[in-house]
Amino acid sequence: MNPWKFIGFMFLASLGIYGVCVLFDSEFKMEYILGIAIPLAVGIIVVFLGNWIYENRPKSLTHFFVISFMIKMLLYGLIIIILFNFYSFSHIHFILSFVFCFVVLHNSEAIFFKITFK
């Protein structure tokens, strides 16, 4: 599968998540955008790096996925700590959109790489 097509899917999925969140409560649009943009940006980076490693160093792929997942968790934790300490906004709406987007994009990345590696 072409990584660009998959990134288009990631954007559409994120837009769909945003639409569902706004339908739920339209008062917290900025929180939803922040909660969706962070996993989306990290997911795009992982797709490009994973695809590059698959094409150039396939033996390093498992190591890449383990390291990238650990970096994701550390980065997400750091971002959440920074946002919660320095910005005043609705934390619950941010967390809901963040978790929803993270789960959808992380699972879709796994499916993308499974299809790519066949």
Protein backbone atom coordinates (compact mmCIF):
# COMPACT_ATOMS: atom_id res chain seq x y z
CA MET A 1 0.00 0.00 0.00
CA ASN A 2 1.20 3.47 -0.83
CA PRO A 3 2.07 5.46 2.33
CA TRP A 4 0.53 8.61 0.84
CA LYS A 5 -2.84 6.90 0.43
CA PHE A 6 -2.65 5.69 4.00
CA ILE A 7 -1.81 9.19 5.25
CA GLY A 8 -4.89 10.41 3.39
CA PHE A 9 -6.86 7.77 5.25
CA MET A 10 -5.32 8.97 8.54
CA PHE A 11 -6.46 12.53 7.80
CA LEU A 12 -9.96 11.36 6.90
CA ALA A 13 -10.17 9.21 10.04
CA SER A 14 -9.00 12.15 12.15
CA LEU A 15 -11.54 14.42 10.48
CA GLY A 16 -14.23 11.85 11.23
CA ILE A 17 -13.16 11.67 14.87
CA TYR A 18 -13.26 15.46 15.05
CA GLY A 19 -16.75 15.45 13.55
CA VAL A 20 -17.98 12.93 16.10
CA CYS A 21 -16.43 14.93 18.95
CA VAL A 22 -17.96 18.21 17.74
CA LEU A 23 -21.35 16.52 17.39
CA PHE A 24 -20.97 15.37 20.98
CA ASP A 25 -20.06 18.82 22.34
CA SER A 26 -19.17 21.69 20.00
CA GLU A 27 -17.99 24.03 22.75
CA PHE A 28 -14.53 22.44 23.03
CA LYS A 29 -13.22 22.53 19.45
CA MET A 30 -9.66 23.55 20.37
CA GLU A 31 -9.34 20.68 22.85
CA TYR A 32 -10.51 18.25 20.18
CA ILE A 33 -8.07 19.62 17.62
CA LEU A 34 -5.15 19.33 20.04
CA GLY A 35 -6.19 15.83 21.06
CA ILE A 36 -6.33 14.72 17.44
CA ALA A 37 -3.36 16.62 16.00
CA ILE A 38 -0.75 15.13 18.32
CA PRO A 39 -1.36 11.42 17.53
CA LEU A 40 -1.88 12.29 13.85
CA ALA A 41 1.48 14.05 13.55
CA VAL A 42 3.31 11.25 15.36
CA GLY A 43 1.50 8.62 13.30
CA ILE A 44 2.53 10.25 10.03
CA ILE A 45 6.16 10.30 11.15
CA VAL A 46 6.01 6.62 12.15
CA VAL A 47 4.47 5.63 8.80
CA PHE A 48 7.20 7.41 6.82
CA LEU A 49 10.05 6.13 8.99
CA GLY A 50 8.64 2.59 9.11
CA ASN A 51 8.24 2.51 5.35
CA TRP A 52 11.77 3.84 4.84
CA ILE A 53 13.24 1.26 7.23
CA TYR A 54 11.27 -1.52 5.54
CA GLU A 55 12.70 -0.55 2.16
CA ASN A 56 16.30 0.09 3.29
CA ARG A 57 16.95 -1.96 6.47
CA PRO A 58 14.27 -4.62 6.85
CA LYS A 59 16.17 -6.44 9.62
CA SER A 60 15.87 -3.36 11.86
CA LEU A 61 12.10 -3.17 11.58
CA THR A 62 11.16 -4.92 14.83
CA HIS A 63 13.67 -2.83 16.73
CA PHE A 64 12.23 0.30 15.13
CA PHE A 65 8.68 -0.55 16.19
CA VAL A 66 9.70 -1.28 19.79
CA ILE A 67 11.71 1.95 20.05
CA SER A 68 9.06 4.03 18.28
CA PHE A 69 6.35 2.78 20.64
CA MET A 70 8.44 3.64 23.69
CA ILE A 71 9.22 7.08 22.27
CA LYS A 72 5.52 7.60 21.52
CA MET A 73 4.55 6.83 25.10
CA LEU A 74 7.25 9.11 26.53
CA LEU A 75 6.40 11.90 24.09
CA TYR A 76 2.67 11.65 24.72
CA GLY A 77 3.24 11.67 28.48
CA LEU A 78 5.49 14.71 28.24
CA ILE A 79 3.06 16.59 25.99
CA ILE A 80 0.13 15.82 28.27
CA ILE A 81 2.06 16.96 31.35
CA ILE A 82 3.08 20.19 29.62
CA LEU A 83 -0.44 20.89 28.35
CA PHE A 84 -2.06 20.17 31.70
CA ASN A 85 0.39 22.37 33.61
CA PHE A 86 0.66 25.36 31.28
CA TYR A 87 -2.67 25.61 29.47
CA SER A 88 -6.12 26.06 30.89
CA PHE A 89 -8.62 24.09 28.90
CA SER A 90 -11.03 21.20 29.34
CA HIS A 91 -8.80 18.23 30.06
CA ILE A 92 -11.55 15.65 29.74
CA HIS A 93 -12.41 16.63 26.17
CA PHE A 94 -8.74 16.67 25.21
CA ILE A 95 -8.15 13.22 26.71
CA LEU A 96 -11.25 11.73 25.07
CA SER A 97 -10.30 12.93 21.60
CA PHE A 98 -6.64 12.02 22.19
CA VAL A 99 -7.36 8.46 23.30
CA PHE A 100 -9.93 7.89 20.56
CA CYS A 101 -7.57 9.17 17.88
CA PHE A 102 -4.56 7.29 19.30
CA VAL A 103 -6.41 3.97 19.35
CA VAL A 104 -7.85 4.38 15.85
CA LEU A 105 -4.58 5.54 14.28
CA HIS A 106 -2.36 3.07 16.13
CA ASN A 107 -4.54 0.14 15.08
CA SER A 108 -4.75 1.41 11.51
CA GLU A 109 -0.94 1.77 11.42
CA ALA A 110 -0.65 -1.88 12.46
CA ILE A 111 -3.01 -2.91 9.66
CA PHE A 112 -1.14 -0.71 7.17
CA PHE A 113 2.21 -2.29 8.02
CA LYS A 114 0.73 -5.79 7.95
CA ILE A 115 -0.59 -5.17 4.43
CA THR A 116 2.66 -3.49 3.35
CA PHE A 117 4.87 -6.32 4.59
CA LYS A 118 3.01 -9.12 2.77
